[in-house]
């Protein structure tokens, strides 16, 4: 099972592809970027093209996306939501089922604590994927965390179905 995890954003969108067979391993990860000089529509078009390339190159079976969470800045939430929509569209076009998880669900799945800090998350991503060092940039580490969370949730759902 190949899972594409996404940490959505307009300026920076982290992605991470893992293989869950039988152990978790990193296939690819990175950060898609768009220049601030582009209009929002141009940025979304660029992300559409870039995420399409990632999907074409890595052939994920499923996609997991971090669910939008915002506290104060509604404008940022709208632009990130639009970028998230681009991912959902591209995944649907590729025939990939999509799951989404809140930041606290992701932290709970990886660390066992829904308020884990960035350092704890990076350490768990590094260990779970047997990486020599934490993935950079942070956006890609966050995307790998989303993918790992989805792998854990799939495993839990399978175990529950057997009972």
N, C-alpha and C. Protein backbone atom coordinates (compact mmCIF):
# COMPACT_ATOMS: atom_id res chain seq x y z
N UNK A 1 0.84 -1.17 0.00
CA UNK A 1 0.00 0.00 0.00
C UNK A 1 0.89 1.24 0.00
N UNK A 2 0.70 2.10 -0.97
CA UNK A 2 1.46 3.34 -1.08
C UNK A 2 0.54 4.50 -0.71
N UNK A 3 0.99 5.32 0.23
CA UNK A 3 0.18 6.42 0.75
C UNK A 3 0.89 7.74 0.53
N UNK A 4 0.17 8.70 -0.05
CA UNK A 4 0.66 10.06 -0.22
C UNK A 4 0.06 10.92 0.89
N UNK A 5 0.92 11.50 1.72
CA UNK A 5 0.48 12.41 2.76
C UNK A 5 0.72 13.84 2.32
N UNK A 6 -0.21 14.72 2.66
CA UNK A 6 -0.12 16.13 2.26
C UNK A 6 -0.29 17.04 3.45
N UNK A 7 0.61 18.00 3.59
CA UNK A 7 0.48 19.11 4.52
C UNK A 7 0.16 20.33 3.65
N UNK A 8 -1.13 20.70 3.55
CA UNK A 8 -1.52 21.71 2.56
C UNK A 8 -1.05 23.12 2.89
N UNK A 9 -0.82 23.86 1.84
CA UNK A 9 -0.44 25.26 1.93
C UNK A 9 -0.35 25.83 0.54
N UNK A 10 -0.45 27.13 0.43
CA UNK A 10 -0.38 27.76 -0.88
C UNK A 10 1.06 28.12 -1.24
N UNK A 11 1.79 28.70 -0.31
CA UNK A 11 3.18 29.05 -0.57
C UNK A 11 4.08 27.82 -0.50
N UNK A 12 3.78 26.93 0.47
CA UNK A 12 4.56 25.71 0.68
C UNK A 12 3.60 24.57 0.98
N UNK A 13 3.68 23.53 0.18
CA UNK A 13 2.85 22.35 0.38
C UNK A 13 3.77 21.15 0.55
N UNK A 14 3.76 20.58 1.75
CA UNK A 14 4.60 19.41 1.99
C UNK A 14 3.93 18.16 1.46
N UNK A 15 4.75 17.25 0.95
CA UNK A 15 4.23 15.95 0.52
C UNK A 15 5.19 14.87 0.98
N UNK A 16 4.63 13.70 1.24
CA UNK A 16 5.44 12.56 1.63
C UNK A 16 4.75 11.29 1.19
N UNK A 17 5.49 10.43 0.56
CA UNK A 17 4.96 9.15 0.08
C UNK A 17 5.64 8.04 0.84
N UNK A 18 4.81 7.17 1.43
CA UNK A 18 5.35 6.03 2.16
C UNK A 18 4.78 4.73 1.59
N UNK A 19 5.50 3.67 1.85
CA UNK A 19 5.06 2.32 1.50
C UNK A 19 4.76 1.60 2.80
N UNK A 20 3.63 0.95 2.86
CA UNK A 20 3.23 0.20 4.05
C UNK A 20 3.16 -1.27 3.66
N UNK A 21 4.36 -1.93 3.63
CA UNK A 21 4.38 -3.28 3.10
C UNK A 21 5.67 -4.00 3.47
N UNK A 22 5.78 -4.77 4.48
CA UNK A 22 4.97 -4.80 5.68
C UNK A 22 5.39 -3.72 6.67
N UNK A 23 6.62 -3.19 6.51
CA UNK A 23 7.06 -2.09 7.36
C UNK A 23 6.86 -0.78 6.63
N UNK A 24 6.82 0.30 7.39
CA UNK A 24 6.72 1.62 6.78
C UNK A 24 8.08 2.05 6.26
N UNK A 25 8.09 2.60 5.05
CA UNK A 25 9.33 3.14 4.49
C UNK A 25 9.00 4.35 3.64
N UNK A 26 9.92 5.30 3.63
CA UNK A 26 9.74 6.52 2.84
C UNK A 26 10.11 6.25 1.39
N UNK A 27 9.24 6.65 0.48
CA UNK A 27 9.50 6.52 -0.95
C UNK A 27 10.01 7.84 -1.51
N UNK A 28 9.33 8.93 -1.12
CA UNK A 28 9.67 10.26 -1.63
C UNK A 28 9.06 11.30 -0.70
N UNK A 29 9.70 12.43 -0.58
CA UNK A 29 9.11 13.54 0.17
C UNK A 29 9.77 14.83 -0.26
N UNK A 30 9.06 15.92 -0.02
CA UNK A 30 9.57 17.22 -0.39
C UNK A 30 8.55 18.30 -0.14
N UNK A 31 8.79 19.42 -0.76
CA UNK A 31 7.92 20.58 -0.55
C UNK A 31 7.69 21.26 -1.90
N UNK A 32 6.43 21.42 -2.25
CA UNK A 32 6.06 22.14 -3.45
C UNK A 32 5.93 23.61 -3.08
N UNK A 33 6.47 24.49 -3.88
CA UNK A 33 6.44 25.91 -3.56
C UNK A 33 5.87 26.71 -4.71
N UNK A 34 5.32 27.88 -4.36
CA UNK A 34 4.85 28.82 -5.36
C UNK A 34 5.35 30.21 -4.98
N UNK A 35 5.80 30.99 -5.95
CA UNK A 35 6.31 32.33 -5.63
C UNK A 35 5.20 33.28 -5.18
N UNK A 36 5.54 34.14 -4.23
CA UNK A 36 4.58 35.13 -3.73
C UNK A 36 4.17 36.12 -4.81
N UNK A 37 4.97 36.24 -5.86
CA UNK A 37 4.67 37.19 -6.93
C UNK A 37 3.48 36.75 -7.80
N UNK A 38 3.10 35.47 -7.72
CA UNK A 38 1.98 34.97 -8.52
C UNK A 38 0.65 35.33 -7.86
N UNK A 39 -0.38 35.44 -8.66
CA UNK A 39 -1.72 35.63 -8.12
C UNK A 39 -2.16 34.32 -7.46
N UNK A 40 -3.21 34.38 -6.66
CA UNK A 40 -3.72 33.17 -6.01
C UNK A 40 -4.12 32.12 -7.05
N UNK A 41 -4.76 32.57 -8.12
CA UNK A 41 -5.17 31.63 -9.17
C UNK A 41 -3.95 30.97 -9.81
N UNK A 42 -2.90 31.73 -10.05
CA UNK A 42 -1.68 31.16 -10.65
C UNK A 42 -1.00 30.19 -9.68
N UNK A 43 -1.03 30.53 -8.41
CA UNK A 43 -0.45 29.63 -7.41
C UNK A 43 -1.20 28.31 -7.38
N UNK A 44 -2.51 28.37 -7.39
CA UNK A 44 -3.32 27.15 -7.38
C UNK A 44 -3.07 26.32 -8.63
N UNK A 45 -2.94 26.98 -9.77
CA UNK A 45 -2.66 26.26 -11.02
C UNK A 45 -1.29 25.58 -10.94
N UNK A 46 -0.32 26.26 -10.37
CA UNK A 46 1.01 25.69 -10.21
C UNK A 46 0.97 24.47 -9.28
N UNK A 47 0.25 24.59 -8.16
CA UNK A 47 0.11 23.46 -7.24
C UNK A 47 -0.62 22.30 -7.91
N UNK A 48 -1.62 22.61 -8.71
CA UNK A 48 -2.36 21.59 -9.44
C UNK A 48 -1.40 20.79 -10.33
N UNK A 49 -0.56 21.49 -11.04
CA UNK A 49 0.40 20.85 -11.94
C UNK A 49 1.43 20.05 -11.14
N UNK A 50 1.98 20.67 -10.08
CA UNK A 50 3.03 20.02 -9.29
C UNK A 50 2.52 18.77 -8.56
N UNK A 51 1.36 18.86 -7.95
CA UNK A 51 0.85 17.69 -7.22
C UNK A 51 0.47 16.59 -8.20
N UNK A 52 0.04 16.99 -9.40
CA UNK A 52 -0.23 16.00 -10.44
C UNK A 52 1.03 15.25 -10.83
N UNK A 53 2.16 15.96 -10.88
CA UNK A 53 3.43 15.31 -11.20
C UNK A 53 3.84 14.34 -10.10
N UNK A 54 3.64 14.74 -8.83
CA UNK A 54 3.98 13.85 -7.70
C UNK A 54 3.13 12.58 -7.78
N UNK A 55 1.85 12.74 -8.04
CA UNK A 55 0.95 11.59 -8.13
C UNK A 55 1.36 10.69 -9.29
N UNK A 56 1.67 11.29 -10.44
CA UNK A 56 2.08 10.50 -11.61
C UNK A 56 3.38 9.75 -11.36
N UNK A 57 4.32 10.38 -10.67
CA UNK A 57 5.64 9.77 -10.44
C UNK A 57 5.62 8.71 -9.34
N UNK A 58 4.74 8.85 -8.36
CA UNK A 58 4.78 7.95 -7.20
C UNK A 58 3.64 6.94 -7.15
N UNK A 59 2.60 7.14 -7.94
CA UNK A 59 1.46 6.21 -8.02
C UNK A 59 0.90 5.78 -6.67
N UNK A 60 0.42 6.73 -5.86
CA UNK A 60 -0.13 6.34 -4.56
C UNK A 60 -1.45 5.58 -4.72
N UNK A 61 -1.72 4.68 -3.76
CA UNK A 61 -3.00 3.98 -3.73
C UNK A 61 -4.05 4.80 -3.00
N UNK A 62 -3.60 5.57 -2.01
CA UNK A 62 -4.50 6.40 -1.21
C UNK A 62 -3.79 7.70 -0.87
N UNK A 63 -4.60 8.71 -0.56
CA UNK A 63 -4.07 10.03 -0.21
C UNK A 63 -4.63 10.42 1.16
N UNK A 64 -3.78 10.98 1.99
CA UNK A 64 -4.18 11.48 3.31
C UNK A 64 -3.78 12.94 3.39
N UNK A 65 -4.70 13.77 3.84
CA UNK A 65 -4.48 15.22 3.87
C UNK A 65 -4.76 15.73 5.28
N UNK A 66 -3.91 16.65 5.73
CA UNK A 66 -4.18 17.27 7.02
C UNK A 66 -5.41 18.15 6.90
N UNK A 67 -6.33 17.98 7.82
CA UNK A 67 -7.57 18.76 7.84
C UNK A 67 -7.24 20.18 8.27
N UNK A 68 -7.91 21.10 7.66
CA UNK A 68 -7.69 22.52 7.91
C UNK A 68 -8.04 22.88 9.35
N UNK A 69 -7.12 23.56 9.99
CA UNK A 69 -7.35 24.05 11.35
C UNK A 69 -6.86 25.48 11.39
N UNK A 70 -7.71 26.38 11.85
CA UNK A 70 -7.25 27.76 12.00
C UNK A 70 -7.80 28.33 13.27
N UNK A 71 -7.06 29.27 13.80
CA UNK A 71 -7.44 29.86 15.07
C UNK A 71 -7.83 31.32 14.90
N UNK A 72 -6.98 32.09 14.23
CA UNK A 72 -7.22 33.52 14.15
C UNK A 72 -7.30 34.05 12.72
N UNK A 73 -6.43 33.63 11.86
CA UNK A 73 -6.30 34.25 10.55
C UNK A 73 -7.22 33.57 9.52
N UNK A 74 -8.38 34.13 9.33
CA UNK A 74 -9.37 33.56 8.43
C UNK A 74 -8.90 33.63 6.98
N UNK A 75 -8.20 34.70 6.61
CA UNK A 75 -7.70 34.83 5.24
C UNK A 75 -6.74 33.70 4.91
N UNK A 76 -5.84 33.39 5.81
CA UNK A 76 -4.91 32.28 5.60
C UNK A 76 -5.68 30.97 5.49
N UNK A 77 -6.68 30.80 6.32
CA UNK A 77 -7.47 29.57 6.28
C UNK A 77 -8.14 29.40 4.93
N UNK A 78 -8.64 30.46 4.35
CA UNK A 78 -9.29 30.36 3.04
C UNK A 78 -8.29 29.96 1.96
N UNK A 79 -7.10 30.59 1.96
CA UNK A 79 -6.13 30.25 0.92
C UNK A 79 -5.61 28.82 1.07
N UNK A 80 -5.39 28.40 2.32
CA UNK A 80 -4.95 27.02 2.55
C UNK A 80 -6.06 26.05 2.15
N UNK A 81 -7.30 26.41 2.43
CA UNK A 81 -8.44 25.59 2.03
C UNK A 81 -8.52 25.43 0.53
N UNK A 82 -8.21 26.49 -0.20
CA UNK A 82 -8.21 26.40 -1.66
C UNK A 82 -7.11 25.45 -2.14
N UNK A 83 -5.93 25.52 -1.53
CA UNK A 83 -4.83 24.61 -1.89
C UNK A 83 -5.21 23.17 -1.56
N UNK A 84 -5.87 22.98 -0.44
CA UNK A 84 -6.34 21.65 -0.05
C UNK A 84 -7.34 21.12 -1.09
N UNK A 85 -8.18 22.00 -1.59
CA UNK A 85 -9.14 21.62 -2.62
C UNK A 85 -8.46 21.14 -3.89
N UNK A 86 -7.35 21.76 -4.24
CA UNK A 86 -6.59 21.32 -5.42
C UNK A 86 -6.11 19.89 -5.22
N UNK A 87 -5.64 19.58 -4.02
CA UNK A 87 -5.16 18.22 -3.72
C UNK A 87 -6.32 17.23 -3.82
N UNK A 88 -7.46 17.58 -3.24
CA UNK A 88 -8.62 16.70 -3.29
C UNK A 88 -9.04 16.43 -4.74
N UNK A 89 -9.02 17.47 -5.56
CA UNK A 89 -9.38 17.32 -6.98
C UNK A 89 -8.40 16.40 -7.69
N UNK A 90 -7.10 16.64 -7.49
CA UNK A 90 -6.09 15.81 -8.17
C UNK A 90 -6.18 14.35 -7.72
N UNK A 91 -6.41 14.13 -6.44
CA UNK A 91 -6.55 12.76 -5.93
C UNK A 91 -7.76 12.09 -6.56
N UNK A 92 -8.87 12.81 -6.64
CA UNK A 92 -10.08 12.24 -7.24
C UNK A 92 -9.85 11.93 -8.71
N UNK A 93 -9.17 12.80 -9.42
CA UNK A 93 -8.87 12.55 -10.83
C UNK A 93 -7.99 11.32 -11.02
N UNK A 94 -7.13 11.05 -10.04
CA UNK A 94 -6.25 9.88 -10.11
C UNK A 94 -6.93 8.62 -9.59
N UNK A 95 -8.16 8.75 -9.09
CA UNK A 95 -8.87 7.60 -8.57
C UNK A 95 -8.39 7.14 -7.20
N UNK A 96 -7.77 8.04 -6.45
CA UNK A 96 -7.25 7.71 -5.13
C UNK A 96 -8.26 8.10 -4.05
N UNK A 97 -8.62 7.18 -3.17
CA UNK A 97 -9.44 7.55 -2.03
C UNK A 97 -8.69 8.53 -1.14
N UNK A 98 -9.41 9.47 -0.53
CA UNK A 98 -8.81 10.50 0.31
C UNK A 98 -9.35 10.38 1.73
N UNK A 99 -8.46 10.49 2.69
CA UNK A 99 -8.82 10.57 4.10
C UNK A 99 -8.20 11.84 4.64
N UNK A 100 -8.84 12.42 5.65
CA UNK A 100 -8.23 13.59 6.25
C UNK A 100 -8.21 13.46 7.77
N UNK A 101 -7.22 14.11 8.37
CA UNK A 101 -6.98 13.99 9.80
C UNK A 101 -6.65 15.36 10.38
N UNK A 102 -7.14 15.61 11.58
CA UNK A 102 -6.82 16.86 12.27
C UNK A 102 -5.38 16.79 12.77
N UNK A 103 -4.79 17.95 13.04
CA UNK A 103 -3.44 17.93 13.61
C UNK A 103 -3.35 17.11 14.90
N UNK A 104 -4.36 17.19 15.76
CA UNK A 104 -4.29 16.42 17.01
C UNK A 104 -4.43 14.92 16.75
N UNK A 105 -5.20 14.50 15.75
CA UNK A 105 -5.29 13.08 15.42
C UNK A 105 -3.94 12.57 14.92
N UNK A 106 -3.26 13.38 14.13
CA UNK A 106 -1.95 12.98 13.59
C UNK A 106 -0.95 12.83 14.73
N UNK A 107 -0.93 13.81 15.61
CA UNK A 107 -0.01 13.76 16.76
C UNK A 107 -0.32 12.57 17.66
N UNK A 108 -1.59 12.32 17.90
CA UNK A 108 -2.01 11.19 18.73
C UNK A 108 -1.55 9.87 18.11
N UNK A 109 -1.70 9.74 16.79
CA UNK A 109 -1.33 8.50 16.11
C UNK A 109 0.18 8.25 16.13
N UNK A 110 0.97 9.32 16.09
CA UNK A 110 2.42 9.14 16.04
C UNK A 110 3.08 9.13 17.40
N UNK A 111 2.64 10.02 18.28
CA UNK A 111 3.32 10.20 19.55
C UNK A 111 2.51 9.68 20.72
N UNK A 112 1.19 9.55 20.53
CA UNK A 112 0.33 9.12 21.62
C UNK A 112 -0.16 10.29 22.46
N UNK A 113 0.10 11.50 21.97
CA UNK A 113 -0.28 12.72 22.69
C UNK A 113 -0.69 13.76 21.66
N UNK A 114 -1.92 14.24 21.75
CA UNK A 114 -2.47 15.15 20.75
C UNK A 114 -1.90 16.55 20.74
N UNK A 115 -1.04 16.86 21.71
CA UNK A 115 -0.42 18.19 21.76
C UNK A 115 1.10 18.10 21.65
N UNK A 116 1.58 17.06 20.99
CA UNK A 116 3.02 16.87 20.83
C UNK A 116 3.62 18.06 20.08
N UNK A 117 4.88 18.35 20.39
CA UNK A 117 5.54 19.46 19.70
C UNK A 117 6.23 18.98 18.43
N UNK A 118 6.73 19.95 17.68
CA UNK A 118 7.36 19.65 16.39
C UNK A 118 8.53 18.68 16.54
N UNK A 119 9.34 18.88 17.57
CA UNK A 119 10.51 18.03 17.77
C UNK A 119 10.09 16.58 17.99
N UNK A 120 9.06 16.36 18.82
CA UNK A 120 8.58 15.00 19.08
C UNK A 120 8.06 14.36 17.80
N UNK A 121 7.34 15.14 17.01
CA UNK A 121 6.80 14.62 15.75
C UNK A 121 7.92 14.23 14.79
N UNK A 122 8.90 15.11 14.66
CA UNK A 122 10.01 14.80 13.75
C UNK A 122 10.77 13.56 14.21
N UNK A 123 10.96 13.43 15.51
CA UNK A 123 11.66 12.25 16.03
C UNK A 123 10.88 10.97 15.71
N UNK A 124 9.57 11.01 15.88
CA UNK A 124 8.75 9.82 15.60
C UNK A 124 8.70 9.49 14.12
N UNK A 125 8.63 10.51 13.26
CA UNK A 125 8.65 10.28 11.81
C UNK A 125 9.98 9.62 11.44
N UNK A 126 11.06 10.15 11.98
CA UNK A 126 12.40 9.61 11.68
C UNK A 126 12.50 8.15 12.11
N UNK A 127 12.01 7.83 13.31
CA UNK A 127 12.07 6.46 13.81
C UNK A 127 11.13 5.54 13.04
N UNK A 128 9.90 5.99 12.80
CA UNK A 128 8.90 5.14 12.14
C UNK A 128 9.33 4.75 10.74
N UNK A 129 10.08 5.63 10.08
CA UNK A 129 10.50 5.35 8.70
C UNK A 129 11.96 4.91 8.61
N UNK A 130 12.60 4.72 9.76
CA UNK A 130 14.01 4.31 9.83
C UNK A 130 14.91 5.21 8.98
N UNK A 131 14.71 6.51 9.12
CA UNK A 131 15.51 7.48 8.39
C UNK A 131 16.78 7.80 9.17
N UNK A 132 17.84 8.15 8.47
CA UNK A 132 19.10 8.48 9.13
C UNK A 132 19.02 9.82 9.86
N UNK A 133 18.20 10.72 9.36
CA UNK A 133 18.02 12.04 9.98
C UNK A 133 16.61 12.54 9.72
N UNK A 134 16.15 13.50 10.52
CA UNK A 134 14.79 14.01 10.32
C UNK A 134 14.63 14.62 8.92
N UNK A 135 13.48 14.37 8.30
CA UNK A 135 13.25 14.94 6.97
C UNK A 135 13.10 16.46 7.04
N UNK A 136 13.63 17.11 6.03
CA UNK A 136 13.48 18.55 5.92
C UNK A 136 12.95 18.89 4.54
N UNK A 137 12.26 19.98 4.37
CA UNK A 137 11.86 20.94 5.39
C UNK A 137 10.73 20.39 6.27
N UNK A 138 10.34 21.19 7.26
CA UNK A 138 9.29 20.78 8.20
C UNK A 138 8.01 20.37 7.49
N UNK A 139 7.70 21.04 6.38
CA UNK A 139 6.46 20.73 5.65
C UNK A 139 6.46 19.28 5.16
N UNK A 140 7.61 18.80 4.72
CA UNK A 140 7.68 17.41 4.25
C UNK A 140 7.60 16.44 5.43
N UNK A 141 8.20 16.79 6.56
CA UNK A 141 8.10 15.95 7.76
C UNK A 141 6.65 15.87 8.21
N UNK A 142 5.94 16.99 8.15
CA UNK A 142 4.53 17.01 8.52
C UNK A 142 3.70 16.14 7.57
N UNK A 143 4.02 16.19 6.29
CA UNK A 143 3.30 15.38 5.30
C UNK A 143 3.55 13.89 5.52
N UNK A 144 4.79 13.53 5.84
CA UNK A 144 5.09 12.14 6.14
C UNK A 144 4.33 11.69 7.39
N UNK A 145 4.18 12.59 8.37
CA UNK A 145 3.41 12.28 9.57
C UNK A 145 1.95 11.99 9.22
N UNK A 146 1.40 12.75 8.29
CA UNK A 146 0.02 12.52 7.85
C UNK A 146 -0.10 11.13 7.21
N UNK A 147 0.86 10.77 6.38
CA UNK A 147 0.84 9.46 5.73
C UNK A 147 0.98 8.33 6.76
N UNK A 148 1.87 8.51 7.74
CA UNK A 148 2.05 7.49 8.78
C UNK A 148 0.77 7.35 9.61
N UNK A 149 0.15 8.48 9.93
CA UNK A 149 -1.12 8.44 10.67
C UNK A 149 -2.13 7.62 9.90
N UNK A 150 -2.22 7.85 8.60
CA UNK A 150 -3.19 7.09 7.80
C UNK A 150 -2.86 5.60 7.80
N UNK A 151 -1.59 5.26 7.70
CA UNK A 151 -1.20 3.85 7.73
C UNK A 151 -1.62 3.22 9.06
N UNK A 152 -1.40 3.92 10.16
CA UNK A 152 -1.79 3.41 11.47
C UNK A 152 -3.31 3.26 11.58
N UNK A 153 -4.04 4.24 11.06
CA UNK A 153 -5.50 4.19 11.12
C UNK A 153 -6.04 3.03 10.28
N UNK A 154 -5.43 2.79 9.12
CA UNK A 154 -5.85 1.66 8.28
C UNK A 154 -5.63 0.35 9.01
N UNK A 155 -4.48 0.22 9.67
CA UNK A 155 -4.17 -1.00 10.42
C UNK A 155 -5.18 -1.19 11.55
N UNK A 156 -5.48 -0.12 12.27
CA UNK A 156 -6.44 -0.21 13.37
C UNK A 156 -7.83 -0.60 12.85
N UNK A 157 -8.22 -0.04 11.73
CA UNK A 157 -9.53 -0.37 11.16
C UNK A 157 -9.60 -1.85 10.74
N UNK A 158 -8.50 -2.36 10.18
CA UNK A 158 -8.46 -3.77 9.80
C UNK A 158 -8.58 -4.67 11.02
N UNK A 159 -7.87 -4.32 12.09
CA UNK A 159 -7.92 -5.12 13.31
C UNK A 159 -9.32 -5.09 13.93
N UNK A 160 -9.95 -3.95 13.92
CA UNK A 160 -11.30 -3.83 14.45
C UNK A 160 -12.29 -4.64 13.62
N UNK A 161 -12.09 -4.68 12.33
CA UNK A 161 -12.99 -5.43 11.44
C UNK A 161 -12.89 -6.94 11.68
N UNK A 162 -11.75 -7.39 12.19
CA UNK A 162 -11.55 -8.81 12.44
C UNK A 162 -12.19 -9.29 13.74
N UNK A 163 -12.57 -8.35 14.60
CA UNK A 163 -13.15 -8.75 15.89
C UNK A 163 -14.66 -8.88 15.81
